[in-house]
Amino acid sequence: MLLTTQSPEETEAIGQKLASWCLNRPEKEKRALVLNLEGDLGGGKTTFVRGLARGLGISHPITSPTFVLSRRYPVKAGNLKNFYHLDFYRLAKEDDRFLDQINFRQIINCSENIVAIEWSERLGRLRPSGLILCFVFKSEHQREITLKGETDLLNQVKAYLYGKSA
């Protein structure tokens, strides 16, 4: 599934719409809903996360946790309790030394969490399953976002984005 945005506001709007889907999902998962964000530096990952957070009802300023690896925000809507924004840009590929320090396994195994992982490709074989959003920098304002991943999740997102309004 390919989405093209023409401005940061459009990229944020996609994040906000996806948050609406997250909050309105009828079934309760056995683990966290994970959004693996990959792609170009400056591709719009953090901009997307700002929209996602806004859609989850989070009013705190959202900045990339590049140096701290993880930020947690409480969510007070739907079945979700926490939104985790992780950024693994500074990690070496498949370097799991820091994962225990941030309780990564507990975070991704809790059904009350939604987790957005910037630079999730650096986790390699350790990357959790879920949706994969690939961000490509096309021009100063234009970005392409490709959604892939678990078929059932992808089909739910497609139906939500194209079949019903948020």
C-alpha atoms as a PDB file:
ATOM      1  CA  MET A   1       0.000   0.000   0.000  1.00  0.00           C
ATOM      2  CA  LEU A   2       1.590   3.273  -1.139  1.00  0.00           C
ATOM      3  CA  LEU A   3       0.680   6.705   0.232  1.00  0.00           C
ATOM      4  CA  THR A   4       2.165   9.955  -1.061  1.00  0.00           C
ATOM      5  CA  THR A   5       2.162  13.176   0.941  1.00  0.00           C
ATOM      6  CA  GLN A   6       2.853  16.663  -0.314  1.00  0.00           C
ATOM      7  CA  SER A   7       3.561  18.371   3.016  1.00  0.00           C
ATOM      8  CA  PRO A   8       4.513  17.672   6.628  1.00  0.00           C
ATOM      9  CA  GLU A   9       0.879  18.373   7.544  1.00  0.00           C
ATOM     10  CA  GLU A  10      -0.289  15.571   5.229  1.00  0.00           C
ATOM     11  CA  THR A  11       2.277  13.195   6.752  1.00  0.00           C
ATOM     12  CA  GLU A  12       1.021  14.091  10.234  1.00  0.00           C
ATOM     13  CA  ALA A  13      -2.582  13.611   9.073  1.00  0.00           C
ATOM     14  CA  ILE A  14      -1.802  10.033   8.008  1.00  0.00           C
ATOM     15  CA  GLY A  15      -0.364   9.388  11.471  1.00  0.00           C
ATOM     16  CA  GLN A  16      -3.455  10.869  13.078  1.00  0.00           C
ATOM     17  CA  LYS A  17      -5.778   8.748  10.922  1.00  0.00           C
ATOM     18  CA  LEU A  18      -3.774   5.625  11.763  1.00  0.00           C
ATOM     19  CA  ALA A  19      -4.107   6.504  15.467  1.00  0.00           C
ATOM     20  CA  SER A  20      -7.860   6.608  15.045  1.00  0.00           C
ATOM     21  CA  TRP A  21      -7.730   3.076  13.617  1.00  0.00           C
ATOM     22  CA  CYS A  22      -5.565   1.955  16.557  1.00  0.00           C
ATOM     23  CA  LEU A  23      -8.054   3.333  19.075  1.00  0.00           C
ATOM     24  CA  ASN A  24     -11.082   1.857  17.308  1.00  0.00           C
ATOM     25  CA  ARG A  25      -9.829  -1.661  16.656  1.00  0.00           C
ATOM     26  CA  PRO A  26     -12.491  -4.036  17.956  1.00  0.00           C
ATOM     27  CA  GLU A  27     -10.255  -6.931  18.931  1.00  0.00           C
ATOM     28  CA  LYS A  28      -7.833  -6.879  21.813  1.00  0.00           C
ATOM     29  CA  GLU A  29      -4.351  -8.047  20.876  1.00  0.00           C
ATOM     30  CA  LYS A  30      -2.204 -10.380  22.934  1.00  0.00           C
ATOM     31  CA  ARG A  31       0.794  -8.100  22.471  1.00  0.00           C
ATOM     32  CA  ALA A  32       1.561  -4.488  21.665  1.00  0.00           C
ATOM     33  CA  LEU A  33       0.639  -3.038  18.306  1.00  0.00           C
ATOM     34  CA  VAL A  34       4.034  -2.309  16.734  1.00  0.00           C
ATOM     35  CA  LEU A  35       4.634   0.199  13.943  1.00  0.00           C
ATOM     36  CA  ASN A  36       8.113  -0.341  12.502  1.00  0.00           C
ATOM     37  CA  LEU A  37       9.214   2.919  10.845  1.00  0.00           C
ATOM     38  CA  GLU A  38      12.025   2.626   8.334  1.00  0.00           C
ATOM     39  CA  GLY A  39      13.573   4.633   5.549  1.00  0.00           C
ATOM     40  CA  ASP A  40      15.454   7.741   4.645  1.00  0.00           C
ATOM     41  CA  LEU A  41      16.865  10.248   7.088  1.00  0.00           C
ATOM     42  CA  GLY A  42      14.441  13.168   6.794  1.00  0.00           C
ATOM     43  CA  GLY A  43      11.819  10.849   5.317  1.00  0.00           C
ATOM     44  CA  GLY A  44       9.062  11.932   7.704  1.00  0.00           C
ATOM     45  CA  LYS A  45       9.155   9.286  10.436  1.00  0.00           C
ATOM     46  CA  THR A  46       9.104  11.718  13.364  1.00  0.00           C
ATOM     47  CA  THR A  47       6.567  13.926  11.592  1.00  0.00           C
ATOM     48  CA  PHE A  48       4.323  10.871  11.198  1.00  0.00           C
ATOM     49  CA  VAL A  49       4.788  10.033  14.902  1.00  0.00           C
ATOM     50  CA  ARG A  50       3.692  13.577  15.852  1.00  0.00           C
ATOM     51  CA  GLY A  51       0.406  12.980  14.058  1.00  0.00           C
ATOM     52  CA  LEU A  52       0.054   9.527  15.569  1.00  0.00           C
ATOM     53  CA  ALA A  53       0.566  10.933  19.068  1.00  0.00           C
ATOM     54  CA  ARG A  54      -1.930  13.747  18.458  1.00  0.00           C
ATOM     55  CA  GLY A  55      -4.467  11.189  17.242  1.00  0.00           C
ATOM     56  CA  LEU A  56      -3.918   9.198  20.448  1.00  0.00           C
ATOM     57  CA  GLY A  57      -4.777  12.313  22.459  1.00  0.00           C
ATOM     58  CA  ILE A  58      -1.202  13.116  23.487  1.00  0.00           C
ATOM     59  CA  SER A  59      -0.555  16.836  23.795  1.00  0.00           C
ATOM     60  CA  HIS A  60       3.124  16.690  24.803  1.00  0.00           C
ATOM     61  CA  PRO A  61       5.638  17.923  22.217  1.00  0.00           C
ATOM     62  CA  ILE A  62       6.982  14.950  20.264  1.00  0.00           C
ATOM     63  CA  THR A  63      10.679  14.855  19.465  1.00  0.00           C
ATOM     64  CA  SER A  64      12.714  11.899  18.360  1.00  0.00           C
ATOM     65  CA  PRO A  65      14.273  10.048  21.317  1.00  0.00           C
ATOM     66  CA  THR A  66      17.534   9.528  19.430  1.00  0.00           C
ATOM     67  CA  PHE A  67      19.789   9.914  22.467  1.00  0.00           C
ATOM     68  CA  VAL A  68      17.515   8.364  25.109  1.00  0.00           C
ATOM     69  CA  LEU A  69      16.161   5.534  22.885  1.00  0.00           C
ATOM     70  CA  SER A  70      12.668   5.549  24.395  1.00  0.00           C
ATOM     71  CA  ARG A  71       9.894   7.885  25.486  1.00  0.00           C
ATOM     72  CA  ARG A  72       6.613   6.797  27.046  1.00  0.00           C
ATOM     73  CA  TYR A  73       3.386   8.766  26.867  1.00  0.00           C
ATOM     74  CA  PRO A  74       0.177   7.756  28.674  1.00  0.00           C
ATOM     75  CA  VAL A  75      -2.866   7.167  26.468  1.00  0.00           C
ATOM     76  CA  LYS A  76      -6.315   7.728  27.935  1.00  0.00           C
ATOM     77  CA  ALA A  77      -8.466   6.429  25.088  1.00  0.00           C
ATOM     78  CA  GLY A  78      -9.522   3.073  23.689  1.00  0.00           C
ATOM     79  CA  ASN A  79      -7.901  -0.107  25.006  1.00  0.00           C
ATOM     80  CA  LEU A  80      -4.462   1.505  25.051  1.00  0.00           C
ATOM     81  CA  LYS A  81      -2.616   2.732  28.132  1.00  0.00           C
ATOM     82  CA  ASN A  82       0.831   3.666  26.770  1.00  0.00           C
ATOM     83  CA  PHE A  83       2.398   4.974  23.610  1.00  0.00           C
ATOM     84  CA  TYR A  84       6.105   4.221  23.278  1.00  0.00           C
ATOM     85  CA  HIS A  85       8.233   6.136  20.802  1.00  0.00           C
ATOM     86  CA  LEU A  86      11.545   4.365  20.266  1.00  0.00           C
ATOM     87  CA  ASP A  87      14.442   5.480  18.079  1.00  0.00           C
ATOM     88  CA  PHE A  88      17.259   3.081  17.263  1.00  0.00           C
ATOM     89  CA  TYR A  89      19.203   5.303  14.846  1.00  0.00           C
ATOM     90  CA  ARG A  90      22.303   5.221  17.036  1.00  0.00           C
ATOM     91  CA  LEU A  91      22.294   1.444  17.551  1.00  0.00           C
ATOM     92  CA  ALA A  92      24.525  -0.872  15.601  1.00  0.00           C
ATOM     93  CA  LYS A  93      22.609  -3.505  13.642  1.00  0.00           C
ATOM     94  CA  GLU A  94      21.205  -6.196  15.924  1.00  0.00           C
ATOM     95  CA  ASP A  95      22.849  -4.616  18.983  1.00  0.00           C
ATOM     96  CA  ASP A  96      20.565  -5.762  21.769  1.00  0.00           C
ATOM     97  CA  ARG A  97      22.653  -4.527  24.716  1.00  0.00           C
ATOM     98  CA  PHE A  98      20.353  -1.558  25.253  1.00  0.00           C
ATOM     99  CA  LEU A  99      17.063  -3.407  24.773  1.00  0.00           C
ATOM    100  CA  ASP A 100      17.057  -4.806  28.304  1.00  0.00           C
ATOM    101  CA  GLN A 101      17.775  -1.345  29.746  1.00  0.00           C
ATOM    102  CA  ILE A 102      14.575   0.038  28.210  1.00  0.00           C
ATOM    103  CA  ASN A 103      12.513  -3.115  28.941  1.00  0.00           C
ATOM    104  CA  PHE A 104      11.971  -3.646  25.228  1.00  0.00           C
ATOM    105  CA  ARG A 105      10.561  -7.161  25.477  1.00  0.00           C
ATOM    106  CA  GLN A 106       8.060  -6.145  28.159  1.00  0.00           C
ATOM    107  CA  ILE A 107       7.002  -3.113  26.117  1.00  0.00           C
ATOM    108  CA  ILE A 108       6.290  -5.085  22.942  1.00  0.00           C
ATOM    109  CA  ASN A 109       4.558  -7.920  24.786  1.00  0.00           C
ATOM    110  CA  CYS A 110       1.989  -5.760  26.599  1.00  0.00           C
ATOM    111  CA  SER A 111      -1.358  -5.567  24.800  1.00  0.00           C
ATOM    112  CA  GLU A 112      -2.092  -2.125  26.276  1.00  0.00           C
ATOM    113  CA  ASN A 113       0.835  -0.544  24.394  1.00  0.00           C
ATOM    114  CA  ILE A 114       1.233   0.942  20.959  1.00  0.00           C
ATOM    115  CA  VAL A 115       4.874   1.164  19.922  1.00  0.00           C
ATOM    116  CA  ALA A 116       6.407   3.228  17.110  1.00  0.00           C
ATOM    117  CA  ILE A 117      10.005   2.224  16.402  1.00  0.00           C
ATOM    118  CA  GLU A 118      12.067   4.581  14.242  1.00  0.00           C
ATOM    119  CA  TRP A 119      14.943   2.830  12.468  1.00  0.00           C
ATOM    120  CA  SER A 120      13.506  -0.591  13.336  1.00  0.00           C
ATOM    121  CA  GLU A 121      15.561  -2.138  10.521  1.00  0.00           C
ATOM    122  CA  ARG A 122      18.584  -1.841  12.844  1.00  0.00           C
ATOM    123  CA  LEU A 123      17.021  -4.559  14.996  1.00  0.00           C
ATOM    124  CA  GLY A 124      17.438  -7.088  12.178  1.00  0.00           C
ATOM    125  CA  ARG A 125      16.133 -10.469  13.300  1.00  0.00           C
ATOM    126  CA  LEU A 126      15.057  -8.891  16.605  1.00  0.00           C
ATOM    127  CA  ARG A 127      12.528  -6.585  14.931  1.00  0.00           C
ATOM    128  CA  PRO A 128       9.056  -7.372  16.290  1.00  0.00           C
ATOM    129  CA  SER A 129       6.227  -8.253  13.944  1.00  0.00           C
ATOM    130  CA  GLY A 130       3.572  -5.691  13.138  1.00  0.00           C
ATOM    131  CA  LEU A 131       3.153  -3.061  10.470  1.00  0.00           C
ATOM    132  CA  ILE A 132       6.156  -1.767   8.551  1.00  0.00           C
ATOM    133  CA  LEU A 133       6.014   1.789   7.249  1.00  0.00           C
ATOM    134  CA  CYS A 134       8.813   2.686   4.821  1.00  0.00           C
ATOM    135  CA  PHE A 135       9.404   6.426   4.362  1.00  0.00           C
ATOM    136  CA  VAL A 136      11.092   7.739   1.218  1.00  0.00           C
ATOM    137  CA  PHE A 137      12.235  11.346   0.779  1.00  0.00           C
ATOM    138  CA  LYS A 138      11.118  12.339  -2.753  1.00  0.00           C
ATOM    139  CA  SER A 139      11.527  16.133  -2.656  1.00  0.00           C
ATOM    140  CA  GLU A 140      11.539  19.016  -0.182  1.00  0.00           C
ATOM    141  CA  HIS A 141       7.876  18.411   0.685  1.00  0.00           C
ATOM    142  CA  GLN A 142       6.925  15.114  -0.970  1.00  0.00           C
ATOM    143  CA  ARG A 143       7.243  11.784   0.842  1.00  0.00           C
ATOM    144  CA  GLU A 144       6.211   8.273  -0.088  1.00  0.00           C
ATOM    145  CA  ILE A 145       5.060   5.953   2.657  1.00  0.00           C
ATOM    146  CA  THR A 146       4.731   2.259   1.881  1.00  0.00           C
ATOM    147  CA  LEU A 147       2.802   0.105   4.335  1.00  0.00           C
ATOM    148  CA  LYS A 148       3.547  -3.586   4.525  1.00  0.00           C
ATOM    149  CA  GLY A 149       3.691  -6.293   7.130  1.00  0.00           C
ATOM    150  CA  GLU A 150       1.261  -8.765   8.650  1.00  0.00           C
ATOM    151  CA  THR A 151      -1.506  -9.375   6.107  1.00  0.00           C
ATOM    152  CA  ASP A 152      -4.403  -9.179   8.557  1.00  0.00           C
ATOM    153  CA  LEU A 153      -3.187  -5.871  10.029  1.00  0.00           C
ATOM    154  CA  LEU A 154      -2.514  -4.452   6.581  1.00  0.00           C
ATOM    155  CA  ASN A 155      -5.989  -5.402   5.379  1.00  0.00           C
ATOM    156  CA  GLN A 156      -7.561  -3.801   8.450  1.00  0.00           C
ATOM    157  CA  VAL A 157      -5.632  -0.562   7.852  1.00  0.00           C
ATOM    158  CA  LYS A 158      -6.581  -0.503   4.160  1.00  0.00           C
ATOM    159  CA  ALA A 159     -10.251  -1.017   4.996  1.00  0.00           C
ATOM    160  CA  TYR A 160     -10.103   1.727   7.610  1.00  0.00           C
ATOM    161  CA  LEU A 161      -8.238   4.276   5.477  1.00  0.00           C
ATOM    162  CA  TYR A 162     -10.275   3.681   2.339  1.00  0.00           C
ATOM    163  CA  GLY A 163     -13.567   2.277   3.611  1.00  0.00           C
ATOM    164  CA  LYS A 164     -14.550   4.439   6.550  1.00  0.00           C
ATOM    165  CA  SER A 165     -13.784   7.895   7.827  1.00  0.00           C
ATOM    166  CA  ALA A 166     -12.045   8.540  11.115  1.00  0.00           C
END
